[in-house]
Each structure stands twice: as C-alpha cells, then as structure tokens.
N, C-alpha and C. Protein backbone atom coordinates (compact mmCIF):
# COMPACT_ATOMS: atom_id res chain seq x y z
N MET A 1 187.71 149.09 125.68
CA MET A 1 187.23 148.27 126.84
C MET A 1 186.16 147.56 126.59
N TYR A 2 186.12 146.42 127.27
CA TYR A 2 185.07 145.42 126.82
C TYR A 2 183.87 145.42 127.54
N SER A 3 182.68 145.51 126.95
CA SER A 3 181.16 145.58 127.68
C SER A 3 180.26 144.47 127.15
N ARG A 4 179.83 143.95 128.15
CA ARG A 4 178.93 142.87 127.80
C ARG A 4 177.54 143.28 127.30
N PRO A 5 177.16 142.77 126.19
CA PRO A 5 175.87 143.12 125.42
C PRO A 5 174.81 142.81 126.60
N LEU A 6 173.93 143.78 126.56
CA LEU A 6 172.63 143.52 127.62
C LEU A 6 171.69 142.64 126.88
N SER A 7 171.02 142.13 127.60
CA SER A 7 169.90 140.96 127.25
C SER A 7 168.77 141.90 127.10
N PRO A 8 167.83 141.36 126.15
CA PRO A 8 166.65 142.01 125.85
C PRO A 8 165.82 141.94 127.26
N ARG A 9 165.12 143.12 127.32
CA ARG A 9 164.19 143.25 128.73
C ARG A 9 163.29 142.12 128.90
N GLY A 10 163.04 141.58 129.74
CA GLY A 10 162.28 140.47 130.22
C GLY A 10 162.71 139.15 129.71
N GLN A 11 163.73 138.73 128.89
CA GLN A 11 163.98 137.39 128.47
C GLN A 11 165.22 136.61 129.51
N LEU A 12 166.25 137.46 129.53
CA LEU A 12 167.42 136.72 130.22
C LEU A 12 167.93 137.53 131.18
N PRO A 13 168.05 137.14 132.58
CA PRO A 13 168.53 138.17 133.48
C PRO A 13 169.87 138.37 133.59
N ASP A 14 170.78 139.39 134.07
CA ASP A 14 171.81 139.73 134.06
C ASP A 14 172.65 138.98 134.89
N SER A 15 172.47 138.22 135.77
CA SER A 15 173.35 137.62 136.60
C SER A 15 172.43 136.34 137.23
N TYR A 16 173.20 135.29 137.86
CA TYR A 16 172.67 134.22 138.49
C TYR A 16 171.59 134.29 139.50
N PRO A 17 172.23 135.19 140.64
CA PRO A 17 171.39 135.53 141.70
C PRO A 17 169.78 136.21 141.24
N GLU A 18 170.10 137.17 140.13
CA GLU A 18 168.85 137.47 139.86
C GLU A 18 167.91 136.45 139.06
N ALA A 19 168.66 135.62 138.30
CA ALA A 19 167.78 134.61 137.74
C ALA A 19 167.31 133.69 138.85
N ILE A 20 167.98 133.41 139.81
CA ILE A 20 167.17 132.57 141.06
C ILE A 20 165.95 133.30 141.57
N TRP A 21 166.32 134.59 141.84
CA TRP A 21 165.16 135.47 142.56
C TRP A 21 163.97 135.58 141.73
N LYS A 22 164.23 135.73 140.25
CA LYS A 22 163.12 135.66 139.30
C LYS A 22 162.45 134.30 139.05
N LEU A 23 163.01 133.10 139.00
CA LEU A 23 162.45 131.95 139.44
C LEU A 23 161.77 131.68 140.49
N PHE A 24 162.40 131.84 141.47
CA PHE A 24 161.68 131.93 142.98
C PHE A 24 160.25 132.80 142.87
N GLY A 25 160.48 134.10 142.64
CA GLY A 25 159.04 134.88 142.40
C GLY A 25 158.18 134.25 141.57
N GLY A 26 158.56 133.59 140.51
CA GLY A 26 157.49 133.01 139.74
C GLY A 26 156.92 131.82 140.26
N TYR A 27 157.86 130.99 140.84
CA TYR A 27 157.32 129.78 141.62
C TYR A 27 156.03 130.33 142.64
N LEU A 28 156.69 131.35 143.35
CA LEU A 28 155.85 131.75 144.57
C LEU A 28 154.47 132.30 144.01
N ALA A 29 154.58 132.98 143.00
CA ALA A 29 153.16 133.58 142.38
C ALA A 29 152.55 132.25 141.78
N ALA A 30 152.93 131.42 141.46
CA ALA A 30 152.26 130.56 140.72
C ALA A 30 151.68 129.53 142.03
N ILE A 31 152.32 129.39 142.97
CA ILE A 31 151.94 128.66 144.27
C ILE A 31 150.69 129.38 144.85
N TRP A 32 150.87 130.99 145.01
CA TRP A 32 149.90 131.80 145.62
C TRP A 32 148.69 131.55 144.78
N ARG A 33 148.42 131.58 143.37
CA ARG A 33 147.57 131.63 142.49
C ARG A 33 146.67 130.23 142.79
N LEU A 34 147.66 128.90 142.63
CA LEU A 34 147.18 127.73 143.12
C LEU A 34 146.41 127.74 144.43
N PHE A 35 146.96 128.43 145.27
CA PHE A 35 146.40 128.43 146.85
C PHE A 35 145.15 129.09 146.80
N GLY A 36 145.02 130.26 146.00
CA GLY A 36 143.81 131.03 145.91
C GLY A 36 142.61 130.12 145.34
N GLY A 37 143.21 129.61 143.99
CA GLY A 37 142.30 128.78 143.30
C GLY A 37 141.59 127.71 144.30
N TYR A 38 142.49 126.93 145.22
CA TYR A 38 141.83 126.08 145.99
C TYR A 38 141.07 126.61 146.94
N LEU A 39 141.48 127.80 147.55
CA LEU A 39 140.55 128.38 148.50
C LEU A 39 139.25 129.06 148.03
N ALA A 40 139.16 129.17 146.78
CA ALA A 40 137.88 129.82 146.34
C ALA A 40 137.19 128.27 145.78
N ALA A 41 137.68 127.38 145.46
CA ALA A 41 136.81 126.09 145.16
C ALA A 41 136.49 125.63 146.58
N ILE A 42 137.08 125.67 147.78
CA ILE A 42 136.73 125.24 148.83
C ILE A 42 135.31 126.08 149.47
N TRP A 43 135.78 127.31 148.94
CA TRP A 43 134.52 128.17 149.61
C TRP A 43 133.36 127.83 148.77
N ARG A 44 133.34 127.43 147.64
CA ARG A 44 132.18 127.32 146.83
C ARG A 44 131.66 126.03 147.02
N LEU A 45 132.43 125.00 147.39
CA LEU A 45 131.88 123.81 147.83
C LEU A 45 131.09 123.83 149.35
N LEU A 46 131.82 124.71 150.35
CA LEU A 46 131.17 124.69 151.58
C LEU A 46 129.82 125.65 151.21
N VAL A 47 129.83 126.57 150.44
CA VAL A 47 128.40 127.36 150.37
C VAL A 47 127.50 126.48 149.86
N SER A 48 127.65 125.43 148.98
CA SER A 48 126.82 124.58 148.01
C SER A 48 126.18 123.41 149.33
N TYR A 49 127.30 123.01 149.88
CA TYR A 49 126.86 122.07 151.08
C TYR A 49 125.90 122.86 152.11
N LEU A 50 126.28 123.96 152.39
CA LEU A 50 125.40 124.79 153.42
C LEU A 50 124.10 124.83 152.91
N ALA A 51 124.06 125.24 151.44
CA ALA A 51 122.63 125.46 150.76
C ALA A 51 121.87 124.12 150.62
N ALA A 52 122.47 123.16 150.43
CA ALA A 52 122.05 121.60 150.30
C ALA A 52 121.47 121.39 151.73
N ILE A 53 122.08 121.61 152.77
CA ILE A 53 121.69 121.10 154.12
C ILE A 53 120.56 122.16 154.59
N GLY A 54 120.49 123.24 154.03
CA GLY A 54 119.30 124.22 154.46
C GLY A 54 117.92 123.79 153.74
N GLN A 55 118.16 123.21 152.59
CA GLN A 55 117.03 123.01 151.77
C GLN A 55 116.82 121.35 152.50
N LEU A 56 117.64 120.76 152.85
CA LEU A 56 117.14 119.21 153.43
C LEU A 56 116.43 119.59 154.65
N PHE A 57 117.19 120.64 155.58
CA PHE A 57 116.51 120.76 156.71
C PHE A 57 115.00 121.64 156.61
N GLY A 58 115.06 122.62 155.84
CA GLY A 58 113.85 122.98 155.48
C GLY A 58 112.69 121.83 155.07
N GLY A 59 112.81 121.03 154.05
CA GLY A 59 112.07 120.10 153.78
C GLY A 59 111.82 118.95 154.84
N SER A 60 112.72 118.64 155.69
CA SER A 60 112.28 117.65 156.83
C SER A 60 111.50 118.56 157.73
N LEU A 61 111.59 119.68 157.93
CA LEU A 61 111.03 120.29 158.90
C LEU A 61 109.40 120.60 158.33
N ALA A 62 109.23 120.81 157.14
CA ALA A 62 107.98 120.91 156.53
C ALA A 62 107.24 119.34 156.71
N ALA A 63 108.15 118.29 156.26
CA ALA A 63 107.37 117.32 156.55
C ALA A 63 107.20 116.83 157.84
N LEU A 64 107.99 117.24 158.95
CA LEU A 64 107.45 116.79 160.19
C LEU A 64 106.40 117.43 160.54
N TRP A 65 106.25 118.77 160.24
CA TRP A 65 105.06 119.52 160.63
C TRP A 65 103.88 118.96 159.83
N ARG A 66 103.80 118.53 158.57
CA ARG A 66 102.87 117.87 158.11
C ARG A 66 102.40 116.52 158.71
N LEU A 67 103.52 115.73 159.07
CA LEU A 67 103.25 114.79 160.19
C LEU A 67 102.54 115.03 161.37
N PHE A 68 103.09 116.05 162.03
CA PHE A 68 102.29 116.23 163.11
C PHE A 68 101.03 117.02 162.83
N GLY A 69 100.68 117.65 162.23
CA GLY A 69 99.30 117.87 161.77
C GLY A 69 98.42 116.52 161.37
N ASN A 70 98.90 115.77 160.69
CA ASN A 70 98.28 114.47 160.22
C ASN A 70 97.78 113.50 161.58
N CYS A 71 99.00 113.34 162.28
CA CYS A 71 98.55 112.86 163.72
C CYS A 71 97.82 113.32 164.41
N LEU A 72 97.52 114.86 164.54
CA LEU A 72 96.87 115.73 165.32
C LEU A 72 95.31 115.27 164.85
N ALA A 73 95.17 115.49 163.26
CA ALA A 73 93.91 115.02 162.87
C ALA A 73 93.28 113.65 163.13
N ALA A 74 94.28 112.62 162.97
CA ALA A 74 93.75 111.37 163.34
C ALA A 74 93.40 111.20 164.85
N VAL A 75 94.25 111.73 165.53
CA VAL A 75 93.86 111.68 167.29
C VAL A 75 92.58 112.67 167.42
N TRP A 76 92.28 113.68 166.62
CA TRP A 76 90.95 114.50 166.61
C TRP A 76 89.97 113.45 166.23
N LEU A 77 90.05 112.79 165.05
CA LEU A 77 89.00 111.68 164.61
C LEU A 77 88.81 110.51 165.60
N LEU A 78 89.85 110.13 166.13
CA LEU A 78 89.75 109.04 167.03
C LEU A 78 88.79 109.37 168.40
N PHE A 79 89.22 110.62 168.92
CA PHE A 79 88.44 111.16 169.94
C PHE A 79 87.19 111.33 169.61
N GLY A 80 86.86 111.89 168.30
CA GLY A 80 85.40 112.24 168.15
C GLY A 80 84.73 110.89 167.99
N SER A 81 85.07 109.88 167.35
CA SER A 81 84.43 108.63 167.08
C SER A 81 84.17 108.18 168.47
N TYR A 82 85.39 108.14 169.31
CA TYR A 82 85.01 107.70 170.83
C TYR A 82 83.78 108.43 171.23
N LEU A 83 83.73 109.71 171.38
CA LEU A 83 82.86 110.32 171.82
C LEU A 83 81.45 109.91 171.35
N ALA A 84 81.45 109.87 169.88
CA ALA A 84 80.14 109.58 169.40
C ALA A 84 79.74 107.87 169.81
N ALA A 85 80.60 107.09 170.17
CA ALA A 85 80.35 105.71 170.38
C ALA A 85 79.84 105.44 171.78
N VAL A 86 80.59 106.59 172.78
CA VAL A 86 80.41 106.15 174.14
C VAL A 86 79.05 106.85 174.75
N GLU A 87 78.24 106.21 175.44
CA GLU A 87 77.10 106.58 176.11
C GLU A 87 77.46 107.12 177.36
N MET A 88 77.22 108.48 177.74
CA MET A 88 77.38 108.82 178.84
C MET A 88 76.23 108.81 179.78
N PRO A 89 76.37 108.47 180.87
CA PRO A 89 75.14 108.82 181.74
C PRO A 89 74.44 109.95 181.50
N GLY A 90 73.10 109.89 181.35
CA GLY A 90 72.25 111.08 181.17
C GLY A 90 72.40 111.78 179.68
N ILE A 91 73.32 111.23 178.94
CA ILE A 91 73.50 112.03 177.77
C ILE A 91 73.24 111.06 176.47
N GLU A 92 72.74 111.21 175.59
CA GLU A 92 72.19 110.36 174.52
C GLU A 92 73.85 110.27 173.62
N PRO A 93 74.12 109.25 172.98
CA PRO A 93 75.14 109.34 172.22
C PRO A 93 75.11 110.43 171.11
N ALA A 94 76.14 111.15 170.83
CA ALA A 94 76.07 111.93 169.84
C ALA A 94 75.66 111.52 168.45
N LEU A 95 75.91 109.97 168.13
CA LEU A 95 75.90 109.53 167.01
C LEU A 95 74.34 109.44 166.57
N CYS A 96 73.44 109.31 167.80
CA CYS A 96 71.98 109.24 167.71
C CYS A 96 71.36 110.54 167.32
N LEU A 97 71.90 111.54 168.12
CA LEU A 97 71.46 112.83 167.95
C LEU A 97 71.60 113.43 166.54
N TYR A 98 72.65 113.14 165.90
CA TYR A 98 73.06 113.83 164.55
C TYR A 98 72.88 112.85 163.35
N SER A 99 72.30 111.70 163.68
CA SER A 99 71.96 110.77 162.39
C SER A 99 70.77 111.20 161.97
N SER A 100 70.80 111.26 160.41
CA SER A 100 69.72 111.45 159.82
C SER A 100 68.57 110.64 159.85
N PHE A 101 68.96 109.56 160.00
CA PHE A 101 67.91 108.19 160.26
C PHE A 101 67.15 108.55 161.53
N ASN A 102 67.83 108.60 162.56
CA ASN A 102 67.10 108.92 163.78
C ASN A 102 66.46 110.26 163.84
N ARG A 103 66.82 111.32 163.44
CA ARG A 103 66.29 112.47 163.48
C ARG A 103 65.00 112.27 162.68
N ARG A 104 65.09 111.83 161.45
CA ARG A 104 63.56 111.20 160.99
C ARG A 104 62.71 110.53 161.91
N LEU A 105 63.12 109.52 162.69
CA LEU A 105 62.27 108.85 163.80
C LEU A 105 61.66 109.64 164.69
N ILE A 106 62.55 110.58 165.31
CA ILE A 106 62.25 111.49 166.28
C ILE A 106 61.37 112.48 165.78
N VAL A 107 61.48 112.85 164.54
CA VAL A 107 60.43 114.02 164.06
C VAL A 107 59.26 113.59 163.69
N ASP A 108 59.32 112.21 163.23
CA ASP A 108 57.98 111.59 162.82
C ASP A 108 57.23 111.28 164.08
C-alpha cells in the first residue's frame, strides 16, 4: 500500500485548503498586529496632544491672570493719583498732606 510521507511539523501543510487557511490566518494575525500598532500610536499621539493643550491652557490662564492683576494695579495707581491730584471741597489734596516738603512747612 502506498502512503504519502508526512511533512515536517510546521513547514508544509497536508492539503491546499489547510494551506489557504494557514495563509489566511497569518494574514489576519499580521493585520491585527498592524491595527493594534496603529491604535497604540494614535492613542499616544492623542495623549500627547491633550497634554500639550493642557500645558498651553495652563500657561495662557496664568498669563491672563497676571495681565488682569497688572491691569488692576494700573487702575489702582491711576485712581490713587487722581485722588491725590483732585481737590475736593473742604478736603486738602492728599498729595499736600503726605508730602514731606509740605509737612516740614506745616510743622515749622
């Protein structure tokens, strides 16, 4: 009786359908690995973009806060100089009250 020699394990399949299924399985596994790599790369990119946006937002927020503080300080200085320069009825200007030159004149 004639018997076909068996192929070494893992090298050649015994039939064409088995070879096709093995090839298809290899392609499917390669596509799955490629898809997983793409998903991992997209995820890393998204996380890095979100981190960069967070840093930009934090920096912008800090800059806006400093700008608001500087504007508030400038308005306060303008308001103070306005009060020092304006003579109100019955009240001496604050500049005259707190000037060291005028204080020397008043004390002497």
